[in-house]
Amino acid sequence: MATSISVTGFKGGLCSSFHGSWGTTMVGEDYAMLAKSVPNHVRVGKPTRAQPLMRNVNEGKGLFAPIVVVTRNLIGKKRFNQFRGKAIALHSQVITEFCKSIGADAKQRQGLIRLAKKNGERLGFLA
């Protein structure tokens, strides 16, 4: 049931032709069997992303690294990270109070906090 149509004779020399079918060639049981074999939905897995490389350069190095690693393994990562967060917050408050007492501005305070982080990494507190 294929149909062929040719169109010629328009101004500007337009020429087009259609070779195909206006209807379906599959009828009855063939179509039903094909429809059942095609899944209704397609599962797509989650795209995998590379983990960000936010690691400590001195991981496992430093004077206090073994103590930090053993403590983390004993109390668990979640509790350890909560404890570490509280300790870092308290240390930042101490630095802020120190800066207030000597009259340092916010830029100098931020520099001291960055310096404390670098020292913590070198000593192994952030292992």
PDB file of N, CA and C in Angstrom:
ATOM      1  N   MET A   1       0.836  -1.178   0.000  1.00  0.00           N
ATOM      2  CA  MET A   1       0.000   0.000   0.000  1.00  0.00           C
ATOM      3  C   MET A   1       0.883   1.244   0.000  1.00  0.00           C
ATOM      4  N   ALA A   2       1.918   1.247  -0.769  1.00  0.00           N
ATOM      5  CA  ALA A   2       2.806   2.393  -0.888  1.00  0.00           C
ATOM      6  C   ALA A   2       2.262   3.333  -1.936  1.00  0.00           C
ATOM      7  N   THR A   3       2.464   4.613  -1.698  1.00  0.00           N
ATOM      8  CA  THR A   3       1.966   5.631  -2.607  1.00  0.00           C
ATOM      9  C   THR A   3       3.124   6.501  -3.035  1.00  0.00           C
ATOM     10  N   SER A   4       3.128   6.897  -4.267  1.00  0.00           N
ATOM     11  CA  SER A   4       4.176   7.768  -4.766  1.00  0.00           C
ATOM     12  C   SER A   4       3.527   9.014  -5.324  1.00  0.00           C
ATOM     13  N   ILE A   5       4.016  10.173  -4.880  1.00  0.00           N
ATOM     14  CA  ILE A   5       3.467  11.449  -5.327  1.00  0.00           C
ATOM     15  C   ILE A   5       4.629  12.296  -5.820  1.00  0.00           C
ATOM     16  N   SER A   6       4.472  12.886  -6.957  1.00  0.00           N
ATOM     17  CA  SER A   6       5.470  13.806  -7.487  1.00  0.00           C
ATOM     18  C   SER A   6       4.796  15.130  -7.756  1.00  0.00           C
ATOM     19  N   VAL A   7       5.480  16.205  -7.381  1.00  0.00           N
ATOM     20  CA  VAL A   7       4.937  17.534  -7.590  1.00  0.00           C
ATOM     21  C   VAL A   7       5.946  18.315  -8.407  1.00  0.00           C
ATOM     22  N   THR A   8       5.525  18.784  -9.560  1.00  0.00           N
ATOM     23  CA  THR A   8       6.386  19.600 -10.413  1.00  0.00           C
ATOM     24  C   THR A   8       5.544  20.679 -11.048  1.00  0.00           C
ATOM     25  N   GLY A   9       6.201  21.626 -11.666  1.00  0.00           N
ATOM     26  CA  GLY A   9       5.485  22.637 -12.414  1.00  0.00           C
ATOM     27  C   GLY A   9       5.205  23.904 -11.643  1.00  0.00           C
ATOM     28  N   PHE A  10       5.692  24.036 -10.372  1.00  0.00           N
ATOM     29  CA  PHE A  10       5.506  25.279  -9.639  1.00  0.00           C
ATOM     30  C   PHE A  10       6.498  26.309 -10.109  1.00  0.00           C
ATOM     31  N   LYS A  11       6.219  27.574  -9.861  1.00  0.00           N
ATOM     32  CA  LYS A  11       7.135  28.648 -10.200  1.00  0.00           C
ATOM     33  C   LYS A  11       8.418  28.475  -9.392  1.00  0.00           C
ATOM     34  N   GLY A  12       9.540  28.761  -9.967  1.00  0.00           N
ATOM     35  CA  GLY A  12      10.804  28.649  -9.264  1.00  0.00           C
ATOM     36  C   GLY A  12      11.374  27.241  -9.348  1.00  0.00           C
ATOM     37  N   GLY A  13      10.730  26.345 -10.029  1.00  0.00           N
ATOM     38  CA  GLY A  13      11.269  25.016 -10.230  1.00  0.00           C
ATOM     39  C   GLY A  13      11.233  24.125  -9.007  1.00  0.00           C
ATOM     40  N   LEU A  14      10.243  24.285  -8.117  1.00  0.00           N
ATOM     41  CA  LEU A  14      10.123  23.451  -6.934  1.00  0.00           C
ATOM     42  C   LEU A  14       9.827  22.032  -7.362  1.00  0.00           C
ATOM     43  N   CYS A  15      10.590  21.117  -6.801  1.00  0.00           N
ATOM     44  CA  CYS A  15      10.386  19.728  -7.163  1.00  0.00           C
ATOM     45  C   CYS A  15      10.453  18.892  -5.894  1.00  0.00           C
ATOM     46  N   SER A  16       9.465  18.071  -5.652  1.00  0.00           N
ATOM     47  CA  SER A  16       9.429  17.247  -4.472  1.00  0.00           C
ATOM     48  C   SER A  16       8.770  15.929  -4.809  1.00  0.00           C
ATOM     49  N   SER A  17       9.171  14.904  -4.104  1.00  0.00           N
ATOM     50  CA  SER A  17       8.505  13.623  -4.305  1.00  0.00           C
ATOM     51  C   SER A  17       8.381  12.914  -2.967  1.00  0.00           C
ATOM     52  N   PHE A  18       7.332  12.120  -2.816  1.00  0.00           N
ATOM     53  CA  PHE A  18       7.062  11.379  -1.586  1.00  0.00           C
ATOM     54  C   PHE A  18       6.958   9.909  -1.954  1.00  0.00           C
ATOM     55  N   HIS A  19       7.787   9.091  -1.303  1.00  0.00           N
ATOM     56  CA  HIS A  19       7.694   7.648  -1.488  1.00  0.00           C
ATOM     57  C   HIS A  19       7.495   7.050  -0.107  1.00  0.00           C
ATOM     58  N   GLY A  20       6.359   6.539   0.186  1.00  0.00           N
ATOM     59  CA  GLY A  20       6.126   5.994   1.500  1.00  0.00           C
ATOM     60  C   GLY A  20       4.726   5.474   1.649  1.00  0.00           C
ATOM     61  N   SER A  21       4.317   5.300   2.858  1.00  0.00           N
ATOM     62  CA  SER A  21       3.015   4.730   3.149  1.00  0.00           C
ATOM     63  C   SER A  21       2.234   5.704   3.996  1.00  0.00           C
ATOM     64  N   TRP A  22       0.953   5.812   3.739  1.00  0.00           N
ATOM     65  CA  TRP A  22       0.085   6.679   4.515  1.00  0.00           C
ATOM     66  C   TRP A  22      -0.482   5.965   5.729  1.00  0.00           C
ATOM     67  N   GLY A  23      -0.350   4.694   5.791  1.00  0.00           N
ATOM     68  CA  GLY A  23      -0.915   3.937   6.898  1.00  0.00           C
ATOM     69  C   GLY A  23       0.102   2.948   7.431  1.00  0.00           C
ATOM     70  N   THR A  24      -0.360   2.075   8.299  1.00  0.00           N
ATOM     71  CA  THR A  24       0.540   1.088   8.873  1.00  0.00           C
ATOM     72  C   THR A  24       0.471  -0.198   8.071  1.00  0.00           C
ATOM     73  N   THR A  25       1.582  -0.873   7.968  1.00  0.00           N
ATOM     74  CA  THR A  25       1.600  -2.146   7.254  1.00  0.00           C
ATOM     75  C   THR A  25       1.440  -3.304   8.218  1.00  0.00           C
ATOM     76  N   MET A  26       1.530  -3.036   9.526  1.00  0.00           N
ATOM     77  CA  MET A  26       1.380  -4.089  10.530  1.00  0.00           C
ATOM     78  C   MET A  26      -0.050  -4.066  11.047  1.00  0.00           C
ATOM     79  N   VAL A  27      -0.708  -5.173  10.958  1.00  0.00           N
ATOM     80  CA  VAL A  27      -2.076  -5.255  11.442  1.00  0.00           C
ATOM     81  C   VAL A  27      -2.249  -6.516  12.267  1.00  0.00           C
ATOM     82  N   GLY A  28      -3.250  -6.518  13.103  1.00  0.00           N
ATOM     83  CA  GLY A  28      -3.658  -7.713  13.821  1.00  0.00           C
ATOM     84  C   GLY A  28      -2.655  -8.182  14.850  1.00  0.00           C
ATOM     85  N   GLU A  29      -2.348  -9.479  14.814  1.00  0.00           N
ATOM     86  CA  GLU A  29      -1.512 -10.110  15.817  1.00  0.00           C
ATOM     87  C   GLU A  29      -0.074  -9.599  15.790  1.00  0.00           C
ATOM     88  N   ASP A  30       0.447  -9.265  14.608  1.00  0.00           N
ATOM     89  CA  ASP A  30       1.819  -8.769  14.516  1.00  0.00           C
ATOM     90  C   ASP A  30       1.983  -7.475  15.322  1.00  0.00           C
ATOM     91  N   TYR A  31       1.036  -6.579  15.181  1.00  0.00           N
ATOM     92  CA  TYR A  31       1.117  -5.307  15.892  1.00  0.00           C
ATOM     93  C   TYR A  31       0.970  -5.505  17.399  1.00  0.00           C
ATOM     94  N   ALA A  32       0.050  -6.345  17.824  1.00  0.00           N
ATOM     95  CA  ALA A  32      -0.164  -6.600  19.249  1.00  0.00           C
ATOM     96  C   ALA A  32       1.073  -7.219  19.876  1.00  0.00           C
ATOM     97  N   MET A  33       1.710  -8.172  19.162  1.00  0.00           N
ATOM     98  CA  MET A  33       2.909  -8.817  19.682  1.00  0.00           C
ATOM     99  C   MET A  33       4.060  -7.807  19.794  1.00  0.00           C
ATOM    100  N   LEU A  34       4.190  -6.948  18.805  1.00  0.00           N
ATOM    101  CA  LEU A  34       5.242  -5.934  18.847  1.00  0.00           C
ATOM    102  C   LEU A  34       4.990  -4.940  19.975  1.00  0.00           C
ATOM    103  N   ALA A  35       3.759  -4.541  20.177  1.00  0.00           N
ATOM    104  CA  ALA A  35       3.418  -3.585  21.236  1.00  0.00           C
ATOM    105  C   ALA A  35       3.710  -4.156  22.616  1.00  0.00           C
ATOM    106  N   LYS A  36       3.492  -5.473  22.802  1.00  0.00           N
ATOM    107  CA  LYS A  36       3.786  -6.096  24.091  1.00  0.00           C
ATOM    108  C   LYS A  36       5.280  -6.224  24.338  1.00  0.00           C
ATOM    109  N   SER A  37       6.063  -6.381  23.284  1.00  0.00           N
ATOM    110  CA  SER A  37       7.502  -6.582  23.456  1.00  0.00           C
ATOM    111  C   SER A  37       8.249  -5.283  23.755  1.00  0.00           C
ATOM    112  N   VAL A  38       7.651  -4.152  23.436  1.00  0.00           N
ATOM    113  CA  VAL A  38       8.291  -2.862  23.698  1.00  0.00           C
ATOM    114  C   VAL A  38       7.952  -2.438  25.121  1.00  0.00           C
ATOM    115  N   PRO A  39       8.970  -2.114  25.962  1.00  0.00           N
ATOM    116  CA  PRO A  39       8.676  -1.724  27.345  1.00  0.00           C
ATOM    117  C   PRO A  39       7.966  -0.373  27.402  1.00  0.00           C
ATOM    118  N   ASN A  40       7.127  -0.222  28.428  1.00  0.00           N
ATOM    119  CA  ASN A  40       6.390   1.032  28.617  1.00  0.00           C
ATOM    120  C   ASN A  40       7.299   2.162  29.073  1.00  0.00           C
ATOM    121  N   HIS A  41       8.338   1.819  29.816  1.00  0.00           N
ATOM    122  CA  HIS A  41       9.262   2.830  30.317  1.00  0.00           C
ATOM    123  C   HIS A  41      10.677   2.286  30.217  1.00  0.00           C
ATOM    124  N   VAL A  42      11.606   3.186  30.188  1.00  0.00           N
ATOM    125  CA  VAL A  42      13.013   2.810  30.100  1.00  0.00           C
ATOM    126  C   VAL A  42      13.707   3.317  31.346  1.00  0.00           C
ATOM    127  N   ARG A  43      14.424   2.438  32.024  1.00  0.00           N
ATOM    128  CA  ARG A  43      15.159   2.853  33.215  1.00  0.00           C
ATOM    129  C   ARG A  43      16.492   3.463  32.797  1.00  0.00           C
ATOM    130  N   VAL A  44      16.767   4.581  33.405  1.00  0.00           N
ATOM    131  CA  VAL A  44      18.031   5.251  33.149  1.00  0.00           C
ATOM    132  C   VAL A  44      18.752   5.374  34.479  1.00  0.00           C
ATOM    133  N   GLY A  45      19.983   4.907  34.537  1.00  0.00           N
ATOM    134  CA  GLY A  45      20.757   4.980  35.774  1.00  0.00           C
ATOM    135  C   GLY A  45      21.174   6.403  36.073  1.00  0.00           C
ATOM    136  N   LYS A  46      21.524   6.623  37.329  1.00  0.00           N
ATOM    137  CA  LYS A  46      21.986   7.948  37.716  1.00  0.00           C
ATOM    138  C   LYS A  46      23.324   8.224  37.046  1.00  0.00           C
ATOM    139  N   PRO A  47      23.517   9.440  36.580  1.00  0.00           N
ATOM    140  CA  PRO A  47      24.823   9.757  36.001  1.00  0.00           C
ATOM    141  C   PRO A  47      25.882   9.766  37.099  1.00  0.00           C
ATOM    142  N   THR A  48      27.013   9.224  36.767  1.00  0.00           N
ATOM    143  CA  THR A  48      28.092   9.188  37.752  1.00  0.00           C
ATOM    144  C   THR A  48      28.964  10.411  37.583  1.00  0.00           C
ATOM    145  N   ARG A  49      29.257  11.029  38.717  1.00  0.00           N
ATOM    146  CA  ARG A  49      30.124  12.202  38.712  1.00  0.00           C
ATOM    147  C   ARG A  49      31.370  11.876  39.500  1.00  0.00           C
ATOM    148  N   ALA A  50      32.453  12.436  39.060  1.00  0.00           N
ATOM    149  CA  ALA A  50      33.695  12.251  39.796  1.00  0.00           C
ATOM    150  C   ALA A  50      33.587  12.985  41.128  1.00  0.00           C
ATOM    151  N   GLN A  51      34.053  12.363  42.171  1.00  0.00           N
ATOM    152  CA  GLN A  51      34.025  12.991  43.483  1.00  0.00           C
ATOM    153  C   GLN A  51      34.994  14.169  43.501  1.00  0.00           C
ATOM    154  N   PRO A  52      34.595  15.268  44.121  1.00  0.00           N
ATOM    155  CA  PRO A  52      35.515  16.392  44.186  1.00  0.00           C
ATOM    156  C   PRO A  52      36.759  16.028  44.991  1.00  0.00           C
ATOM    157  N   LEU A  53      37.864  16.539  44.550  1.00  0.00           N
ATOM    158  CA  LEU A  53      39.123  16.226  45.209  1.00  0.00           C
ATOM    159  C   LEU A  53      39.422  17.253  46.283  1.00  0.00           C
ATOM    160  N   MET A  54      38.645  17.242  47.344  1.00  0.00           N
ATOM    161  CA  MET A  54      38.838  18.154  48.455  1.00  0.00           C
ATOM    162  C   MET A  54      39.528  17.395  49.583  1.00  0.00           C
ATOM    163  N   ARG A  55      40.677  16.853  49.277  1.00  0.00           N
ATOM    164  CA  ARG A  55      41.400  16.087  50.263  1.00  0.00           C
ATOM    165  C   ARG A  55      42.499  16.935  50.867  1.00  0.00           C
ATOM    166  N   ASN A  56      42.892  16.526  52.039  1.00  0.00           N
ATOM    167  CA  ASN A  56      44.011  17.158  52.697  1.00  0.00           C
ATOM    168  C   ASN A  56      45.289  16.656  52.040  1.00  0.00           C
ATOM    169  N   VAL A  57      46.140  17.567  51.645  1.00  0.00           N
ATOM    170  CA  VAL A  57      47.403  17.192  51.010  1.00  0.00           C
ATOM    171  C   VAL A  57      48.255  16.376  51.967  1.00  0.00           C
ATOM    172  N   ASN A  58      48.200  16.700  53.239  1.00  0.00           N
ATOM    173  CA  ASN A  58      49.022  16.026  54.250  1.00  0.00           C
ATOM    174  C   ASN A  58      48.247  14.930  54.969  1.00  0.00           C
ATOM    175  N   GLU A  59      47.287  14.310  54.289  1.00  0.00           N
ATOM    176  CA  GLU A  59      46.471  13.300  54.949  1.00  0.00           C
ATOM    177  C   GLU A  59      47.346  12.134  55.400  1.00  0.00           C
ATOM    178  N   GLY A  60      47.246  11.800  56.668  1.00  0.00           N
ATOM    179  CA  GLY A  60      48.037  10.715  57.225  1.00  0.00           C
ATOM    180  C   GLY A  60      49.419  11.151  57.669  1.00  0.00           C
ATOM    181  N   LYS A  61      49.754  12.408  57.417  1.00  0.00           N
ATOM    182  CA  LYS A  61      51.052  12.941  57.821  1.00  0.00           C
ATOM    183  C   LYS A  61      50.849  13.907  58.975  1.00  0.00           C
ATOM    184  N   GLY A  62      51.876  14.173  59.682  1.00  0.00           N
ATOM    185  CA  GLY A  62      51.786  15.126  60.783  1.00  0.00           C
ATOM    186  C   GLY A  62      51.885  14.431  62.118  1.00  0.00           C
ATOM    187  N   LEU A  63      52.243  15.207  63.097  1.00  0.00           N
ATOM    188  CA  LEU A  63      52.480  14.690  64.435  1.00  0.00           C
ATOM    189  C   LEU A  63      51.217  14.080  65.065  1.00  0.00           C
ATOM    190  N   PHE A  64      50.062  14.723  64.849  1.00  0.00           N
ATOM    191  CA  PHE A  64      48.834  14.283  65.506  1.00  0.00           C
ATOM    192  C   PHE A  64      47.945  13.407  64.621  1.00  0.00           C
ATOM    193  N   ALA A  65      48.362  13.135  63.394  1.00  0.00           N
ATOM    194  CA  ALA A  65      47.526  12.365  62.463  1.00  0.00           C
ATOM    195  C   ALA A  65      47.162  10.977  62.987  1.00  0.00           C
ATOM    196  N   PRO A  66      48.093  10.204  63.541  1.00  0.00           N
ATOM    197  CA  PRO A  66      47.699   8.874  64.034  1.00  0.00           C
ATOM    198  C   PRO A  66      46.638   8.941  65.134  1.00  0.00           C
ATOM    199  N   ILE A  67      46.751   9.923  66.026  1.00  0.00           N
ATOM    200  CA  ILE A  67      45.765  10.071  67.096  1.00  0.00           C
ATOM    201  C   ILE A  67      44.401  10.426  66.510  1.00  0.00           C
ATOM    202  N   VAL A  68      44.397  11.302  65.512  1.00  0.00           N
ATOM    203  CA  VAL A  68      43.147  11.726  64.878  1.00  0.00           C
ATOM    204  C   VAL A  68      42.497  10.532  64.177  1.00  0.00           C
ATOM    205  N   VAL A  69      43.272   9.743  63.458  1.00  0.00           N
ATOM    206  CA  VAL A  69      42.729   8.600  62.723  1.00  0.00           C
ATOM    207  C   VAL A  69      42.159   7.556  63.688  1.00  0.00           C
ATOM    208  N   VAL A  70      42.877   7.251  64.760  1.00  0.00           N
ATOM    209  CA  VAL A  70      42.401   6.273  65.740  1.00  0.00           C
ATOM    210  C   VAL A  70      41.116   6.767  66.404  1.00  0.00           C
ATOM    211  N   THR A  71      41.072   8.028  66.774  1.00  0.00           N
ATOM    212  CA  THR A  71      39.873   8.602  67.400  1.00  0.00           C
ATOM    213  C   THR A  71      38.686   8.524  66.449  1.00  0.00           C
ATOM    214  N   ARG A  72      38.910   8.862  65.177  1.00  0.00           N
ATOM    215  CA  ARG A  72      37.830   8.811  64.178  1.00  0.00           C
ATOM    216  C   ARG A  72      37.305   7.385  64.041  1.00  0.00           C
ATOM    217  N   ASN A  73      38.209   6.404  64.034  1.00  0.00           N
ATOM    218  CA  ASN A  73      37.777   5.014  63.904  1.00  0.00           C
ATOM    219  C   ASN A  73      37.037   4.519  65.142  1.00  0.00           C
ATOM    220  N   LEU A  74      37.401   5.027  66.324  1.00  0.00           N
ATOM    221  CA  LEU A  74      36.749   4.589  67.562  1.00  0.00           C
ATOM    222  C   LEU A  74      35.339   5.145  67.721  1.00  0.00           C
ATOM    223  N   ILE A  75      35.179   6.444  67.473  1.00  0.00           N
ATOM    224  CA  ILE A  75      33.871   7.059  67.745  1.00  0.00           C
ATOM    225  C   ILE A  75      32.985   7.150  66.502  1.00  0.00           C
ATOM    226  N   GLY A  76      33.514   6.854  65.343  1.00  0.00           N
ATOM    227  CA  GLY A  76      32.724   6.911  64.109  1.00  0.00           C
ATOM    228  C   GLY A  76      32.864   8.249  63.407  1.00  0.00           C
ATOM    229  N   LYS A  77      32.711   8.218  62.091  1.00  0.00           N
ATOM    230  CA  LYS A  77      32.925   9.430  61.281  1.00  0.00           C
ATOM    231  C   LYS A  77      31.935  10.543  61.608  1.00  0.00           C
ATOM    232  N   LYS A  78      30.657  10.173  61.781  1.00  0.00           N
ATOM    233  CA  LYS A  78      29.649  11.205  62.004  1.00  0.00           C
ATOM    234  C   LYS A  78      29.898  11.967  63.303  1.00  0.00           C
ATOM    235  N   ARG A  79      30.080  11.243  64.405  1.00  0.00           N
ATOM    236  CA  ARG A  79      30.342  11.906  65.699  1.00  0.00           C
ATOM    237  C   ARG A  79      31.663  12.650  65.665  1.00  0.00           C
ATOM    238  N   PHE A  80      32.666  12.058  65.004  1.00  0.00           N
ATOM    239  CA  PHE A  80      33.970  12.704  64.913  1.00  0.00           C
ATOM    240  C   PHE A  80      33.872  14.031  64.167  1.00  0.00           C
ATOM    241  N   ASN A  81      33.146  14.049  63.050  1.00  0.00           N
ATOM    242  CA  ASN A  81      33.016  15.290  62.277  1.00  0.00           C
ATOM    243  C   ASN A  81      32.227  16.346  63.054  1.00  0.00           C
ATOM    244  N   GLN A  82      31.245  15.921  63.853  1.00  0.00           N
ATOM    245  CA  GLN A  82      30.527  16.875  64.704  1.00  0.00           C
ATOM    246  C   GLN A  82      31.467  17.477  65.743  1.00  0.00           C
ATOM    247  N   PHE A  83      32.253  16.620  66.372  1.00  0.00           N
ATOM    248  CA  PHE A  83      33.221  17.078  67.369  1.00  0.00           C
ATOM    249  C   PHE A  83      34.256  18.012  66.739  1.00  0.00           C
ATOM    250  N   ARG A  84      34.760  17.628  65.572  1.00  0.00           N
ATOM    251  CA  ARG A  84      35.750  18.455  64.869  1.00  0.00           C
ATOM    252  C   ARG A  84      35.157  19.813  64.521  1.00  0.00           C
ATOM    253  N   GLY A  85      33.908  19.839  64.047  1.00  0.00           N
ATOM    254  CA  GLY A  85      33.243  21.098  63.711  1.00  0.00           C
ATOM    255  C   GLY A  85      33.118  22.021  64.908  1.00  0.00           C
ATOM    256  N   LYS A  86      32.750  21.439  66.064  1.00  0.00           N
ATOM    257  CA  LYS A  86      32.644  22.252  67.278  1.00  0.00           C
ATOM    258  C   LYS A  86      34.009  22.796  67.699  1.00  0.00           C
ATOM    259  N   ALA A  87      35.041  21.965  67.588  1.00  0.00           N
ATOM    260  CA  ALA A  87      36.388  22.404  67.961  1.00  0.00           C
ATOM    261  C   ALA A  87      36.874  23.531  67.044  1.00  0.00           C
ATOM    262  N   ILE A  88      36.609  23.395  65.757  1.00  0.00           N
ATOM    263  CA  ILE A  88      37.018  24.445  64.812  1.00  0.00           C
ATOM    264  C   ILE A  88      36.259  25.740  65.095  1.00  0.00           C
ATOM    265  N   ALA A  89      34.964  25.631  65.390  1.00  0.00           N
ATOM    266  CA  ALA A  89      34.169  26.823  65.697  1.00  0.00           C
ATOM    267  C   ALA A  89      34.686  27.521  66.955  1.00  0.00           C
ATOM    268  N   LEU A  90      35.002  26.742  67.989  1.00  0.00           N
ATOM    269  CA  LEU A  90      35.546  27.337  69.217  1.00  0.00           C
ATOM    270  C   LEU A  90      36.896  28.009  68.961  1.00  0.00           C
ATOM    271  N   HIS A  91      37.730  27.357  68.156  1.00  0.00           N
ATOM    272  CA  HIS A  91      39.034  27.940  67.858  1.00  0.00           C
ATOM    273  C   HIS A  91      38.885  29.246  67.077  1.00  0.00           C
ATOM    274  N   SER A  92      37.924  29.285  66.140  1.00  0.00           N
ATOM    275  CA  SER A  92      37.670  30.522  65.391  1.00  0.00           C
ATOM    276  C   SER A  92      37.181  31.633  66.317  1.00  0.00           C
ATOM    277  N   GLN A  93      36.366  31.281  67.318  1.00  0.00           N
ATOM    278  CA  GLN A  93      35.901  32.278  68.289  1.00  0.00           C
ATOM    279  C   GLN A  93      37.061  32.823  69.112  1.00  0.00           C
ATOM    280  N   VAL A  94      37.994  31.943  69.484  1.00  0.00           N
ATOM    281  CA  VAL A  94      39.165  32.392  70.241  1.00  0.00           C
ATOM    282  C   VAL A  94      39.990  33.357  69.396  1.00  0.00           C
ATOM    283  N   ILE A  95      40.166  33.036  68.122  1.00  0.00           N
ATOM    284  CA  ILE A  95      40.915  33.930  67.226  1.00  0.00           C
ATOM    285  C   ILE A  95      40.197  35.267  67.094  1.00  0.00           C
ATOM    286  N   THR A  96      38.862  35.225  66.967  1.00  0.00           N
ATOM    287  CA  THR A  96      38.086  36.466  66.847  1.00  0.00           C
ATOM    288  C   THR A  96      38.230  37.326  68.091  1.00  0.00           C
ATOM    289  N   GLU A  97      38.149  36.730  69.268  1.00  0.00           N
ATOM    290  CA  GLU A  97      38.307  37.489  70.515  1.00  0.00           C
ATOM    291  C   GLU A  97      39.721  38.067  70.634  1.00  0.00           C
ATOM    292  N   PHE A  98      40.695  37.292  70.206  1.00  0.00           N
ATOM    293  CA  PHE A  98      42.067  37.785  70.224  1.00  0.00           C
ATOM    294  C   PHE A  98      42.214  39.001  69.310  1.00  0.00           C
ATOM    295  N   CYS A  99      41.622  38.919  68.110  1.00  0.00           N
ATOM    296  CA  CYS A  99      41.699  40.039  67.170  1.00  0.00           C
ATOM    297  C   CYS A  99      40.998  41.279  67.721  1.00  0.00           C
ATOM    298  N   LYS A 100      39.894  41.096  68.426  1.00  0.00           N
ATOM    299  CA  LYS A 100      39.199  42.233  69.043  1.00  0.00           C
ATOM    300  C   LYS A 100      40.069  42.872  70.115  1.00  0.00           C
ATOM    301  N   SER A 101      40.754  42.042  70.889  1.00  0.00           N
ATOM    302  CA  SER A 101      41.556  42.582  71.989  1.00  0.00           C
ATOM    303  C   SER A 101      42.783  43.349  71.495  1.00  0.00           C
ATOM    304  N   ILE A 102      43.343  42.973  70.355  1.00  0.00           N
ATOM    305  CA  ILE A 102      44.522  43.691  69.842  1.00  0.00           C
ATOM    306  C   ILE A 102      44.146  44.738  68.806  1.00  0.00           C
ATOM    307  N   GLY A 103      42.863  44.798  68.415  1.00  0.00           N
ATOM    308  CA  GLY A 103      42.416  45.815  67.464  1.00  0.00           C
ATOM    309  C   GLY A 103      42.646  45.448  66.008  1.00  0.00           C
ATOM    310  N   ALA A 104      42.720  44.186  65.687  1.00  0.00           N
ATOM    311  CA  ALA A 104      42.917  43.755  64.295  1.00  0.00           C
ATOM    312  C   ALA A 104      41.603  43.845  63.535  1.00  0.00           C
ATOM    313  N   ASP A 105      41.688  44.162  62.248  1.00  0.00           N
ATOM    314  CA  ASP A 105      40.470  44.263  61.445  1.00  0.00           C
ATOM    315  C   ASP A 105      40.068  42.881  60.911  1.00  0.00           C
ATOM    316  N   ALA A 106      38.937  42.852  60.190  1.00  0.00           N
ATOM    317  CA  ALA A 106      38.367  41.584  59.708  1.00  0.00           C
ATOM    318  C   ALA A 106      39.298  40.869  58.735  1.00  0.00           C
ATOM    319  N   LYS A 107      40.023  41.625  57.923  1.00  0.00           N
ATOM    320  CA  LYS A 107      40.934  41.014  56.951  1.00  0.00           C
ATOM    321  C   LYS A 107      42.081  40.292  57.665  1.00  0.00           C
ATOM    322  N   GLN A 108      42.623  40.906  58.698  1.00  0.00           N
ATOM    323  CA  GLN A 108      43.690  40.268  59.472  1.00  0.00           C
ATOM    324  C   GLN A 108      43.159  39.046  60.219  1.00  0.00           C
ATOM    325  N   ARG A 109      41.932  39.141  60.736  1.00  0.00           N
ATOM    326  CA  ARG A 109      41.312  38.010  61.426  1.00  0.00           C
ATOM    327  C   ARG A 109      41.153  36.826  60.481  1.00  0.00           C
ATOM    328  N   GLN A 110      40.689  37.098  59.262  1.00  0.00           N
ATOM    329  CA  GLN A 110      40.513  36.035  58.273  1.00  0.00           C
ATOM    330  C   GLN A 110      41.855  35.406  57.919  1.00  0.00           C
ATOM    331  N   GLY A 111      42.893  36.224  57.839  1.00  0.00           N
ATOM    332  CA  GLY A 111      44.231  35.698  57.574  1.00  0.00           C
ATOM    333  C   GLY A 111      44.722  34.781  58.684  1.00  0.00           C
ATOM    334  N   LEU A 112      44.421  35.144  59.935  1.00  0.00           N
ATOM    335  CA  LEU A 112      44.806  34.291  61.060  1.00  0.00           C
ATOM    336  C   LEU A 112      44.047  32.963  61.054  1.00  0.00           C
ATOM    337  N   ILE A 113      42.786  33.005  60.678  1.00  0.00           N
ATOM    338  CA  ILE A 113      41.996  31.771  60.601  1.00  0.00           C
ATOM    339  C   ILE A 113      42.549  30.856  59.496  1.00  0.00           C
ATOM    340  N   ARG A 114      42.920  31.441  58.361  1.00  0.00           N
ATOM    341  CA  ARG A 114      43.530  30.639  57.286  1.00  0.00           C
ATOM    342  C   ARG A 114      44.859  30.042  57.734  1.00  0.00           C
ATOM    343  N   LEU A 115      45.654  30.836  58.456  1.00  0.00           N
ATOM    344  CA  LEU A 115      46.928  30.344  58.967  1.00  0.00           C
ATOM    345  C   LEU A 115      46.712  29.190  59.955  1.00  0.00           C
ATOM    346  N   ALA A 116      45.685  29.287  60.796  1.00  0.00           N
ATOM    347  CA  ALA A 116      45.377  28.209  61.743  1.00  0.00           C
ATOM    348  C   ALA A 116      44.993  26.939  60.991  1.00  0.00           C
ATOM    349  N   LYS A 117      44.259  27.082  59.891  1.00  0.00           N
ATOM    350  CA  LYS A 117      43.873  25.908  59.102  1.00  0.00           C
ATOM    351  C   LYS A 117      45.105  25.251  58.487  1.00  0.00           C
ATOM    352  N   LYS A 118      46.004  26.054  57.929  1.00  0.00           N
ATOM    353  CA  LYS A 118      47.222  25.498  57.333  1.00  0.00           C
ATOM    354  C   LYS A 118      48.073  24.790  58.379  1.00  0.00           C
ATOM    355  N   ASN A 119      48.184  25.391  59.562  1.00  0.00           N
ATOM    356  CA  ASN A 119      48.956  24.762  60.633  1.00  0.00           C
ATOM    357  C   ASN A 119      48.290  23.457  61.080  1.00  0.00           C
ATOM    358  N   GLY A 120      46.966  23.440  61.154  1.00  0.00           N
ATOM    359  CA  GLY A 120      46.242  22.225  61.521  1.00  0.00           C
ATOM    360  C   GLY A 120      46.473  21.107  60.515  1.00  0.00           C
ATOM    361  N   GLU A 121      46.513  21.468  59.245  1.00  0.00           N
ATOM    362  CA  GLU A 121      46.799  20.468  58.205  1.00  0.00           C
ATOM    363  C   GLU A 121      48.205  19.909  58.357  1.00  0.00           C
ATOM    364  N   ARG A 122      49.186  20.793  58.573  1.00  0.00           N
ATOM    365  CA  ARG A 122      50.574  20.340  58.709  1.00  0.00           C
ATOM    366  C   ARG A 122      50.781  19.468  59.949  1.00  0.00           C
ATOM    367  N   LEU A 123      50.090  19.807  61.036  1.00  0.00           N
ATOM    368  CA  LEU A 123      50.240  19.042  62.267  1.00  0.00           C
ATOM    369  C   LEU A 123      49.451  17.725  62.255  1.00  0.00           C
ATOM    370  N   GLY A 124      48.502  17.590  61.326  1.00  0.00           N
ATOM    371  CA  GLY A 124      47.742  16.350  61.213  1.00  0.00           C
ATOM    372  C   GLY A 124      46.398  16.379  61.895  1.00  0.00           C
ATOM    373  N   PHE A 125      45.932  17.546  62.325  1.00  0.00           N
ATOM    374  CA  PHE A 125      44.624  17.623  62.959  1.00  0.00           C
ATOM    375  C   PHE A 125      43.489  17.403  61.948  1.00  0.00           C
ATOM    376  N   LEU A 126      43.738  17.653  60.670  1.00  0.00           N
ATOM    377  CA  LEU A 126      42.709  17.501  59.655  1.00  0.00           C
ATOM    378  C   LEU A 126      42.905  16.227  58.841  1.00  0.00           C
ATOM    379  N   ALA A 127      43.559  15.232  59.430  1.00  0.00           N
ATOM    380  CA  ALA A 127      43.818  13.961  58.730  1.00  0.00           C
ATOM    381  C   ALA A 127      42.558  13.159  58.600  1.00  0.00           C
TER     382      ALA A 127
END
